[in-house]
Amino acid sequence: MASKTSHTTTNHDEIRRWIEERNGKPATVKGTASRGDNAGMLRVDFPGYSGDDSLEEISWDDFFAKFDESNLAFLYQDEGDDGKESRFSKFVEATKGDRRKN
């Protein structure tokens, strides 16, 4: 049985690659954007895994603008315990050590 290993990054290219490899799209929870914002609460929309009625696809530019503005890091897992490709990810508060040049 493979061991779960999680990674944390703020690198935009790494995040986008991981999401797109799993056919995910950048999204926001509908109704959570503040006036003037293009994005509210960030999510990754994986077809067949998310609530179609609760998420709205957004551009990568809007996604990463909100990501950086909110001082987030992306916690993700490449494989699950079963060795299969994992879709596990979440947004966490970035620490000083997480912030690298994007």
PDB file of N, CA and C in Angstrom:
ATOM      1  N   MET A   1       0.845  -1.183   0.000  1.00  0.00           N
ATOM      2  CA  MET A   1       0.000   0.000   0.000  1.00  0.00           C
ATOM      3  C   MET A   1       0.885   1.240   0.000  1.00  0.00           C
ATOM      4  N   ALA A   2       0.614   2.166  -0.916  1.00  0.00           N
ATOM      5  CA  ALA A   2       1.400   3.399  -1.017  1.00  0.00           C
ATOM      6  C   ALA A   2       1.088   4.317   0.156  1.00  0.00           C
ATOM      7  N   SER A   3       2.055   5.105   0.494  1.00  0.00           N
ATOM      8  CA  SER A   3       1.877   6.047   1.592  1.00  0.00           C
ATOM      9  C   SER A   3       1.396   7.384   1.039  1.00  0.00           C
ATOM     10  N   LYS A   4       0.397   7.967   1.706  1.00  0.00           N
ATOM     11  CA  LYS A   4      -0.106   9.281   1.302  1.00  0.00           C
ATOM     12  C   LYS A   4       0.944  10.331   1.630  1.00  0.00           C
ATOM     13  N   THR A   5       1.273  11.139   0.647  1.00  0.00           N
ATOM     14  CA  THR A   5       2.173  12.255   0.868  1.00  0.00           C
ATOM     15  C   THR A   5       1.491  13.511   0.368  1.00  0.00           C
ATOM     16  N   SER A   6       1.406  14.501   1.236  1.00  0.00           N
ATOM     17  CA  SER A   6       0.804  15.768   0.854  1.00  0.00           C
ATOM     18  C   SER A   6       1.902  16.781   0.580  1.00  0.00           C
ATOM     19  N   HIS A   7       1.605  17.690  -0.318  1.00  0.00           N
ATOM     20  CA  HIS A   7       2.521  18.764  -0.683  1.00  0.00           C
ATOM     21  C   HIS A   7       1.779  20.086  -0.517  1.00  0.00           C
ATOM     22  N   THR A   8       2.525  21.127  -0.232  1.00  0.00           N
ATOM     23  CA  THR A   8       1.947  22.457  -0.133  1.00  0.00           C
ATOM     24  C   THR A   8       2.749  23.385  -1.032  1.00  0.00           C
ATOM     25  N   THR A   9       2.043  24.187  -1.830  1.00  0.00           N
ATOM     26  CA  THR A   9       2.719  25.104  -2.728  1.00  0.00           C
ATOM     27  C   THR A   9       1.896  26.375  -2.924  1.00  0.00           C
ATOM     28  N   THR A  10       2.588  27.418  -3.334  1.00  0.00           N
ATOM     29  CA  THR A  10       1.933  28.646  -3.780  1.00  0.00           C
ATOM     30  C   THR A  10       2.283  28.902  -5.241  1.00  0.00           C
ATOM     31  N   ASN A  11       3.011  28.007  -5.875  1.00  0.00           N
ATOM     32  CA  ASN A  11       3.454  28.161  -7.252  1.00  0.00           C
ATOM     33  C   ASN A  11       2.283  27.981  -8.212  1.00  0.00           C
ATOM     34  N   HIS A  12       1.955  29.039  -8.939  1.00  0.00           N
ATOM     35  CA  HIS A  12       0.795  29.021  -9.831  1.00  0.00           C
ATOM     36  C   HIS A  12       0.888  27.928 -10.888  1.00  0.00           C
ATOM     37  N   ASP A  13       2.063  27.753 -11.482  1.00  0.00           N
ATOM     38  CA  ASP A  13       2.219  26.742 -12.536  1.00  0.00           C
ATOM     39  C   ASP A  13       2.015  25.336 -11.986  1.00  0.00           C
ATOM     40  N   GLU A  14       2.533  25.072 -10.814  1.00  0.00           N
ATOM     41  CA  GLU A  14       2.385  23.759 -10.178  1.00  0.00           C
ATOM     42  C   GLU A  14       0.914  23.478  -9.850  1.00  0.00           C
ATOM     43  N   ILE A  15       0.232  24.476  -9.318  1.00  0.00           N
ATOM     44  CA  ILE A  15      -1.188  24.324  -8.963  1.00  0.00           C
ATOM     45  C   ILE A  15      -2.019  24.080 -10.213  1.00  0.00           C
ATOM     46  N   ARG A  16      -1.806  24.892 -11.229  1.00  0.00           N
ATOM     47  CA  ARG A  16      -2.583  24.747 -12.470  1.00  0.00           C
ATOM     48  C   ARG A  16      -2.342  23.384 -13.117  1.00  0.00           C
ATOM     49  N   ARG A  17      -1.084  22.945 -13.154  1.00  0.00           N
ATOM     50  CA  ARG A  17      -0.750  21.634 -13.722  1.00  0.00           C
ATOM     51  C   ARG A  17      -1.493  20.520 -13.001  1.00  0.00           C
ATOM     52  N   TRP A  18      -1.461  20.537 -11.665  1.00  0.00           N
ATOM     53  CA  TRP A  18      -2.092  19.486 -10.866  1.00  0.00           C
ATOM     54  C   TRP A  18      -3.599  19.455 -11.136  1.00  0.00           C
ATOM     55  N   ILE A  19      -4.227  20.614 -11.144  1.00  0.00           N
ATOM     56  CA  ILE A  19      -5.675  20.700 -11.353  1.00  0.00           C
ATOM     57  C   ILE A  19      -6.042  20.237 -12.763  1.00  0.00           C
ATOM     58  N   GLU A  20      -5.330  20.726 -13.765  1.00  0.00           N
ATOM     59  CA  GLU A  20      -5.662  20.373 -15.148  1.00  0.00           C
ATOM     60  C   GLU A  20      -5.402  18.897 -15.451  1.00  0.00           C
ATOM     61  N   GLU A  21      -4.377  18.295 -14.818  1.00  0.00           N
ATOM     62  CA  GLU A  21      -4.120  16.865 -15.018  1.00  0.00           C
ATOM     63  C   GLU A  21      -5.304  16.011 -14.562  1.00  0.00           C
ATOM     64  N   ARG A  22      -6.109  16.551 -13.676  1.00  0.00           N
ATOM     65  CA  ARG A  22      -7.277  15.840 -13.139  1.00  0.00           C
ATOM     66  C   ARG A  22      -8.581  16.370 -13.741  1.00  0.00           C
ATOM     67  N   ASN A  23      -8.461  17.104 -14.833  1.00  0.00           N
ATOM     68  CA  ASN A  23      -9.604  17.692 -15.546  1.00  0.00           C
ATOM     69  C   ASN A  23     -10.399  18.684 -14.705  1.00  0.00           C
ATOM     70  N   GLY A  24      -9.743  19.277 -13.710  1.00  0.00           N
ATOM     71  CA  GLY A  24     -10.399  20.272 -12.873  1.00  0.00           C
ATOM     72  C   GLY A  24     -10.357  21.644 -13.509  1.00  0.00           C
ATOM     73  N   LYS A  25     -11.202  22.508 -12.987  1.00  0.00           N
ATOM     74  CA  LYS A  25     -11.289  23.885 -13.459  1.00  0.00           C
ATOM     75  C   LYS A  25     -11.317  24.813 -12.245  1.00  0.00           C
ATOM     76  N   PRO A  26     -10.756  26.015 -12.382  1.00  0.00           N
ATOM     77  CA  PRO A  26     -10.823  26.981 -11.283  1.00  0.00           C
ATOM     78  C   PRO A  26     -12.266  27.447 -11.111  1.00  0.00           C
ATOM     79  N   ALA A  27     -12.696  27.538  -9.868  1.00  0.00           N
ATOM     80  CA  ALA A  27     -14.088  27.903  -9.606  1.00  0.00           C
ATOM     81  C   ALA A  27     -14.199  28.724  -8.327  1.00  0.00           C
ATOM     82  N   THR A  28     -15.351  29.349  -8.195  1.00  0.00           N
ATOM     83  CA  THR A  28     -15.698  30.077  -6.984  1.00  0.00           C
ATOM     84  C   THR A  28     -17.081  29.599  -6.538  1.00  0.00           C
ATOM     85  N   VAL A  29     -17.337  29.673  -5.254  1.00  0.00           N
ATOM     86  CA  VAL A  29     -18.659  29.322  -4.742  1.00  0.00           C
ATOM     87  C   VAL A  29     -19.588  30.474  -5.089  1.00  0.00           C
ATOM     88  N   LYS A  30     -20.684  30.164  -5.769  1.00  0.00           N
ATOM     89  CA  LYS A  30     -21.636  31.194  -6.192  1.00  0.00           C
ATOM     90  C   LYS A  30     -22.107  32.013  -4.993  1.00  0.00           C
ATOM     91  N   GLY A  31     -22.176  33.314  -5.201  1.00  0.00           N
ATOM     92  CA  GLY A  31     -22.713  34.205  -4.175  1.00  0.00           C
ATOM     93  C   GLY A  31     -21.738  34.600  -3.088  1.00  0.00           C
ATOM     94  N   THR A  32     -20.446  34.221  -3.210  1.00  0.00           N
ATOM     95  CA  THR A  32     -19.491  34.556  -2.140  1.00  0.00           C
ATOM     96  C   THR A  32     -18.556  35.702  -2.500  1.00  0.00           C
ATOM     97  N   ALA A  33     -18.621  36.186  -3.726  1.00  0.00           N
ATOM     98  CA  ALA A  33     -17.750  37.297  -4.125  1.00  0.00           C
ATOM     99  C   ALA A  33     -18.256  38.605  -3.529  1.00  0.00           C
ATOM    100  N   SER A  34     -17.333  39.419  -3.064  1.00  0.00           N
ATOM    101  CA  SER A  34     -17.682  40.752  -2.571  1.00  0.00           C
ATOM    102  C   SER A  34     -17.877  41.664  -3.768  1.00  0.00           C
ATOM    103  N   ARG A  35     -18.570  42.743  -3.552  1.00  0.00           N
ATOM    104  CA  ARG A  35     -18.802  43.710  -4.635  1.00  0.00           C
ATOM    105  C   ARG A  35     -17.456  44.131  -5.228  1.00  0.00           C
ATOM    106  N   GLY A  36     -17.355  44.035  -6.546  1.00  0.00           N
ATOM    107  CA  GLY A  36     -16.127  44.423  -7.233  1.00  0.00           C
ATOM    108  C   GLY A  36     -15.140  43.289  -7.413  1.00  0.00           C
ATOM    109  N   ASP A  37     -15.340  42.173  -6.713  1.00  0.00           N
ATOM    110  CA  ASP A  37     -14.458  41.011  -6.853  1.00  0.00           C
ATOM    111  C   ASP A  37     -14.978  40.093  -7.947  1.00  0.00           C
ATOM    112  N   ASN A  38     -14.075  39.432  -8.634  1.00  0.00           N
ATOM    113  CA  ASN A  38     -14.452  38.449  -9.644  1.00  0.00           C
ATOM    114  C   ASN A  38     -14.513  37.042  -9.069  1.00  0.00           C
ATOM    115  N   ALA A  39     -14.055  36.884  -7.824  1.00  0.00           N
ATOM    116  CA  ALA A  39     -14.045  35.563  -7.196  1.00  0.00           C
ATOM    117  C   ALA A  39     -14.336  35.697  -5.711  1.00  0.00           C
ATOM    118  N   GLY A  40     -15.021  34.702  -5.188  1.00  0.00           N
ATOM    119  CA  GLY A  40     -15.274  34.636  -3.749  1.00  0.00           C
ATOM    120  C   GLY A  40     -14.459  33.486  -3.181  1.00  0.00           C
ATOM    121  N   MET A  41     -15.139  32.569  -2.502  1.00  0.00           N
ATOM    122  CA  MET A  41     -14.460  31.395  -1.941  1.00  0.00           C
ATOM    123  C   MET A  41     -13.980  30.506  -3.083  1.00  0.00           C
ATOM    124  N   LEU A  42     -12.684  30.217  -3.102  1.00  0.00           N
ATOM    125  CA  LEU A  42     -12.108  29.421  -4.179  1.00  0.00           C
ATOM    126  C   LEU A  42     -12.365  27.932  -3.984  1.00  0.00           C
ATOM    127  N   ARG A  43     -12.589  27.273  -5.094  1.00  0.00           N
ATOM    128  CA  ARG A  43     -12.756  25.824  -5.126  1.00  0.00           C
ATOM    129  C   ARG A  43     -12.164  25.322  -6.435  1.00  0.00           C
ATOM    130  N   VAL A  44     -11.962  24.009  -6.500  1.00  0.00           N
ATOM    131  CA  VAL A  44     -11.605  23.351  -7.749  1.00  0.00           C
ATOM    132  C   VAL A  44     -12.816  22.524  -8.137  1.00  0.00           C
ATOM    133  N   ASP A  45     -13.281  22.709  -9.360  1.00  0.00           N
ATOM    134  CA  ASP A  45     -14.443  21.970  -9.845  1.00  0.00           C
ATOM    135  C   ASP A  45     -13.964  20.778 -10.663  1.00  0.00           C
ATOM    136  N   PHE A  46     -14.173  19.585 -10.125  1.00  0.00           N
ATOM    137  CA  PHE A  46     -13.868  18.350 -10.833  1.00  0.00           C
ATOM    138  C   PHE A  46     -15.180  17.790 -11.364  1.00  0.00           C
ATOM    139  N   PRO A  47     -15.308  17.674 -12.682  1.00  0.00           N
ATOM    140  CA  PRO A  47     -16.557  17.152 -13.256  1.00  0.00           C
ATOM    141  C   PRO A  47     -16.945  15.818 -12.617  1.00  0.00           C
ATOM    142  N   GLY A  48     -18.209  15.756 -12.196  1.00  0.00           N
ATOM    143  CA  GLY A  48     -18.702  14.537 -11.572  1.00  0.00           C
ATOM    144  C   GLY A  48     -18.415  14.426 -10.083  1.00  0.00           C
ATOM    145  N   TYR A  49     -17.673  15.375  -9.524  1.00  0.00           N
ATOM    146  CA  TYR A  49     -17.312  15.308  -8.104  1.00  0.00           C
ATOM    147  C   TYR A  49     -17.817  16.496  -7.307  1.00  0.00           C
ATOM    148  N   SER A  50     -18.305  17.536  -7.974  1.00  0.00           N
ATOM    149  CA  SER A  50     -18.671  18.766  -7.270  1.00  0.00           C
ATOM    150  C   SER A  50     -20.139  19.092  -7.450  1.00  0.00           C
ATOM    151  N   GLY A  51     -20.598  20.033  -6.671  1.00  0.00           N
ATOM    152  CA  GLY A  51     -21.978  20.487  -6.785  1.00  0.00           C
ATOM    153  C   GLY A  51     -22.141  21.438  -7.954  1.00  0.00           C
ATOM    154  N   ASP A  52     -22.744  20.956  -9.030  1.00  0.00           N
ATOM    155  CA  ASP A  52     -22.926  21.780 -10.231  1.00  0.00           C
ATOM    156  C   ASP A  52     -23.661  23.079  -9.928  1.00  0.00           C
ATOM    157  N   ASP A  53     -24.581  23.047  -9.002  1.00  0.00           N
ATOM    158  CA  ASP A  53     -25.386  24.233  -8.713  1.00  0.00           C
ATOM    159  C   ASP A  53     -24.689  25.244  -7.815  1.00  0.00           C
ATOM    160  N   SER A  54     -23.609  24.829  -7.139  1.00  0.00           N
ATOM    161  CA  SER A  54     -22.995  25.729  -6.163  1.00  0.00           C
ATOM    162  C   SER A  54     -21.698  26.374  -6.650  1.00  0.00           C
ATOM    163  N   LEU A  55     -21.123  25.895  -7.747  1.00  0.00           N
ATOM    164  CA  LEU A  55     -19.850  26.436  -8.219  1.00  0.00           C
ATOM    165  C   LEU A  55     -19.998  27.136  -9.561  1.00  0.00           C
ATOM    166  N   GLU A  56     -19.139  28.133  -9.753  1.00  0.00           N
ATOM    167  CA  GLU A  56     -19.115  28.879 -11.004  1.00  0.00           C
ATOM    168  C   GLU A  56     -17.671  28.924 -11.492  1.00  0.00           C
ATOM    169  N   GLU A  57     -17.433  28.514 -12.731  1.00  0.00           N
ATOM    170  CA  GLU A  57     -16.080  28.537 -13.284  1.00  0.00           C
ATOM    171  C   GLU A  57     -15.605  29.978 -13.421  1.00  0.00           C
ATOM    172  N   ILE A  58     -14.320  30.204 -13.114  1.00  0.00           N
ATOM    173  CA  ILE A  58     -13.699  31.523 -13.252  1.00  0.00           C
ATOM    174  C   ILE A  58     -12.402  31.362 -14.037  1.00  0.00           C
ATOM    175  N   SER A  59     -11.832  32.466 -14.462  1.00  0.00           N
ATOM    176  CA  SER A  59     -10.573  32.421 -15.209  1.00  0.00           C
ATOM    177  C   SER A  59      -9.412  32.105 -14.260  1.00  0.00           C
ATOM    178  N   TRP A  60      -8.336  31.601 -14.843  1.00  0.00           N
ATOM    179  CA  TRP A  60      -7.142  31.360 -14.033  1.00  0.00           C
ATOM    180  C   TRP A  60      -6.620  32.671 -13.455  1.00  0.00           C
ATOM    181  N   ASP A  61      -6.702  33.764 -14.227  1.00  0.00           N
ATOM    182  CA  ASP A  61      -6.230  35.058 -13.723  1.00  0.00           C
ATOM    183  C   ASP A  61      -7.014  35.484 -12.479  1.00  0.00           C
ATOM    184  N   ASP A  62      -8.349  35.364 -12.532  1.00  0.00           N
ATOM    185  CA  ASP A  62      -9.172  35.720 -11.372  1.00  0.00           C
ATOM    186  C   ASP A  62      -8.906  34.776 -10.206  1.00  0.00           C
ATOM    187  N   PHE A  63      -8.726  33.498 -10.510  1.00  0.00           N
ATOM    188  CA  PHE A  63      -8.448  32.489  -9.488  1.00  0.00           C
ATOM    189  C   PHE A  63      -7.164  32.837  -8.731  1.00  0.00           C
ATOM    190  N   PHE A  64      -6.086  33.092  -9.475  1.00  0.00           N
ATOM    191  CA  PHE A  64      -4.807  33.350  -8.817  1.00  0.00           C
ATOM    192  C   PHE A  64      -4.754  34.737  -8.175  1.00  0.00           C
ATOM    193  N   ALA A  65      -5.497  35.698  -8.698  1.00  0.00           N
ATOM    194  CA  ALA A  65      -5.563  37.011  -8.044  1.00  0.00           C
ATOM    195  C   ALA A  65      -6.176  36.856  -6.652  1.00  0.00           C
ATOM    196  N   LYS A  66      -7.273  36.116  -6.555  1.00  0.00           N
ATOM    197  CA  LYS A  66      -7.926  35.886  -5.261  1.00  0.00           C
ATOM    198  C   LYS A  66      -7.043  35.018  -4.361  1.00  0.00           C
ATOM    199  N   PHE A  67      -6.391  34.015  -4.926  1.00  0.00           N
ATOM    200  CA  PHE A  67      -5.487  33.119  -4.202  1.00  0.00           C
ATOM    201  C   PHE A  67      -4.384  33.931  -3.516  1.00  0.00           C
ATOM    202  N   ASP A  68      -3.731  34.806  -4.281  1.00  0.00           N
ATOM    203  CA  ASP A  68      -2.643  35.620  -3.729  1.00  0.00           C
ATOM    204  C   ASP A  68      -3.150  36.654  -2.733  1.00  0.00           C
ATOM    205  N   GLU A  69      -4.258  37.309  -3.065  1.00  0.00           N
ATOM    206  CA  GLU A  69      -4.847  38.329  -2.197  1.00  0.00           C
ATOM    207  C   GLU A  69      -5.234  37.741  -0.838  1.00  0.00           C
ATOM    208  N   SER A  70      -5.664  36.484  -0.845  1.00  0.00           N
ATOM    209  CA  SER A  70      -6.112  35.811   0.383  1.00  0.00           C
ATOM    210  C   SER A  70      -4.981  35.129   1.134  1.00  0.00           C
ATOM    211  N   ASN A  71      -3.740  35.248   0.625  1.00  0.00           N
ATOM    212  CA  ASN A  71      -2.571  34.643   1.258  1.00  0.00           C
ATOM    213  C   ASN A  71      -2.760  33.135   1.460  1.00  0.00           C
ATOM    214  N   LEU A  72      -3.139  32.459   0.371  1.00  0.00           N
ATOM    215  CA  LEU A  72      -3.397  31.027   0.450  1.00  0.00           C
ATOM    216  C   LEU A  72      -2.225  30.204  -0.067  1.00  0.00           C
ATOM    217  N   ALA A  73      -2.209  28.965   0.352  1.00  0.00           N
ATOM    218  CA  ALA A  73      -1.330  27.939  -0.195  1.00  0.00           C
ATOM    219  C   ALA A  73      -2.239  26.785  -0.600  1.00  0.00           C
ATOM    220  N   PHE A  74      -1.767  25.961  -1.519  1.00  0.00           N
ATOM    221  CA  PHE A  74      -2.533  24.834  -2.046  1.00  0.00           C
ATOM    222  C   PHE A  74      -1.937  23.552  -1.494  1.00  0.00           C
ATOM    223  N   LEU A  75      -2.719  22.849  -0.700  1.00  0.00           N
ATOM    224  CA  LEU A  75      -2.318  21.565  -0.127  1.00  0.00           C
ATOM    225  C   LEU A  75      -2.929  20.485  -1.003  1.00  0.00           C
ATOM    226  N   TYR A  76      -2.098  19.563  -1.497  1.00  0.00           N
ATOM    227  CA  TYR A  76      -2.612  18.542  -2.403  1.00  0.00           C
ATOM    228  C   TYR A  76      -1.875  17.222  -2.233  1.00  0.00           C
ATOM    229  N   GLN A  77      -2.459  16.212  -2.818  1.00  0.00           N
ATOM    230  CA  GLN A  77      -1.926  14.856  -2.732  1.00  0.00           C
ATOM    231  C   GLN A  77      -1.910  14.272  -4.149  1.00  0.00           C
ATOM    232  N   ASP A  78      -0.792  13.687  -4.549  1.00  0.00           N
ATOM    233  CA  ASP A  78      -0.702  13.078  -5.874  1.00  0.00           C
ATOM    234  C   ASP A  78      -1.381  11.717  -5.935  1.00  0.00           C
ATOM    235  N   GLU A  79      -1.175  10.897  -4.899  1.00  0.00           N
ATOM    236  CA  GLU A  79      -1.746   9.545  -4.849  1.00  0.00           C
ATOM    237  C   GLU A  79      -2.390   9.292  -3.506  1.00  0.00           C
ATOM    238  N   GLY A  80      -3.441   8.464  -3.515  1.00  0.00           N
ATOM    239  CA  GLY A  80      -4.082   8.039  -2.280  1.00  0.00           C
ATOM    240  C   GLY A  80      -3.391   6.795  -1.740  1.00  0.00           C
ATOM    241  N   ASP A  81      -3.874   6.276  -0.638  1.00  0.00           N
ATOM    242  CA  ASP A  81      -3.314   5.068  -0.048  1.00  0.00           C
ATOM    243  C   ASP A  81      -3.371   3.880  -1.002  1.00  0.00           C
ATOM    244  N   ASP A  82      -4.349   3.894  -1.906  1.00  0.00           N
ATOM    245  CA  ASP A  82      -4.508   2.788  -2.850  1.00  0.00           C
ATOM    246  C   ASP A  82      -3.580   2.909  -4.053  1.00  0.00           C
ATOM    247  N   GLY A  83      -2.764   3.978  -4.118  1.00  0.00           N
ATOM    248  CA  GLY A  83      -1.837   4.170  -5.213  1.00  0.00           C
ATOM    249  C   GLY A  83      -2.460   4.824  -6.435  1.00  0.00           C
ATOM    250  N   LYS A  84      -3.757   5.077  -6.384  1.00  0.00           N
ATOM    251  CA  LYS A  84      -4.442   5.713  -7.507  1.00  0.00           C
ATOM    252  C   LYS A  84      -4.318   7.229  -7.411  1.00  0.00           C
ATOM    253  N   GLU A  85      -4.485   7.874  -8.557  1.00  0.00           N
ATOM    254  CA  GLU A  85      -4.428   9.328  -8.605  1.00  0.00           C
ATOM    255  C   GLU A  85      -5.439   9.934  -7.637  1.00  0.00           C
ATOM    256  N   SER A  86      -4.980  10.876  -6.838  1.00  0.00           N
ATOM    257  CA  SER A  86      -5.832  11.523  -5.842  1.00  0.00           C
ATOM    258  C   SER A  86      -6.326  12.866  -6.342  1.00  0.00           C
ATOM    259  N   ARG A  87      -7.541  13.221  -5.946  1.00  0.00           N
ATOM    260  CA  ARG A  87      -8.080  14.553  -6.192  1.00  0.00           C
ATOM    261  C   ARG A  87      -8.138  15.360  -4.892  1.00  0.00           C
ATOM    262  N   PHE A  88      -7.525  14.831  -3.843  1.00  0.00           N
ATOM    263  CA  PHE A  88      -7.562  15.534  -2.565  1.00  0.00           C
ATOM    264  C   PHE A  88      -6.760  16.826  -2.659  1.00  0.00           C
ATOM    265  N   SER A  89      -7.409  17.915  -2.299  1.00  0.00           N
ATOM    266  CA  SER A  89      -6.730  19.203  -2.211  1.00  0.00           C
ATOM    267  C   SER A  89      -7.547  20.118  -1.317  1.00  0.00           C
ATOM    268  N   LYS A  90      -6.889  21.124  -0.789  1.00  0.00           N
ATOM    269  CA  LYS A  90      -7.598  22.161  -0.052  1.00  0.00           C
ATOM    270  C   LYS A  90      -6.731  23.397   0.010  1.00  0.00           C
ATOM    271  N   PHE A  91      -7.381  24.508   0.289  1.00  0.00           N
ATOM    272  CA  PHE A  91      -6.689  25.768   0.424  1.00  0.00           C
ATOM    273  C   PHE A  91      -6.437  26.020   1.902  1.00  0.00           C
ATOM    274  N   VAL A  92      -5.193  26.392   2.212  1.00  0.00           N
ATOM    275  CA  VAL A  92      -4.794  26.661   3.593  1.00  0.00           C
ATOM    276  C   VAL A  92      -4.091  28.012   3.629  1.00  0.00           C
ATOM    277  N   GLU A  93      -3.980  28.556   4.817  1.00  0.00           N
ATOM    278  CA  GLU A  93      -3.274  29.821   4.965  1.00  0.00           C
ATOM    279  C   GLU A  93      -1.792  29.594   4.695  1.00  0.00           C
ATOM    280  N   ALA A  94      -1.220  30.437   3.856  1.00  0.00           N
ATOM    281  CA  ALA A  94       0.198  30.309   3.528  1.00  0.00           C
ATOM    282  C   ALA A  94       1.054  30.790   4.695  1.00  0.00           C
ATOM    283  N   THR A  95       2.123  30.083   4.921  1.00  0.00           N
ATOM    284  CA  THR A  95       3.106  30.512   5.909  1.00  0.00           C
ATOM    285  C   THR A  95       4.242  31.192   5.153  1.00  0.00           C
ATOM    286  N   LYS A  96       5.105  31.849   5.865  1.00  0.00           N
ATOM    287  CA  LYS A  96       6.208  32.554   5.223  1.00  0.00           C
ATOM    288  C   LYS A  96       7.033  31.598   4.355  1.00  0.00           C
ATOM    289  N   GLY A  97       7.217  30.381   4.794  1.00  0.00           N
ATOM    290  CA  GLY A  97       7.990  29.399   4.042  1.00  0.00           C
ATOM    291  C   GLY A  97       7.288  28.907   2.788  1.00  0.00           C
ATOM    292  N   ASP A  98       5.946  29.044   2.708  1.00  0.00           N
ATOM    293  CA  ASP A  98       5.197  28.610   1.533  1.00  0.00           C
ATOM    294  C   ASP A  98       5.344  29.566   0.366  1.00  0.00           C
ATOM    295  N   ARG A  99       5.530  30.839   0.659  1.00  0.00           N
ATOM    296  CA  ARG A  99       5.560  31.856  -0.394  1.00  0.00           C
ATOM    297  C   ARG A  99       6.887  31.777  -1.143  1.00  0.00           C
ATOM    298  N   ARG A 100       6.791  31.302  -2.363  1.00  0.00           N
ATOM    299  CA  ARG A 100       7.947  31.240  -3.255  1.00  0.00           C
ATOM    300  C   ARG A 100       7.607  32.049  -4.487  1.00  0.00           C
ATOM    301  N   LYS A 101       8.628  32.379  -5.244  1.00  0.00           N
ATOM    302  CA  LYS A 101       8.377  33.127  -6.482  1.00  0.00           C
ATOM    303  C   LYS A 101       7.545  32.280  -7.417  1.00  0.00           C
ATOM    304  N   ASN A 102       6.435  32.840  -7.905  1.00  0.00           N
ATOM    305  CA  ASN A 102       5.548  32.119  -8.812  1.00  0.00           C
ATOM    306  C   ASN A 102       6.041  32.242 -10.183  1.00  0.00           C
TER     307      ASN A 102
END
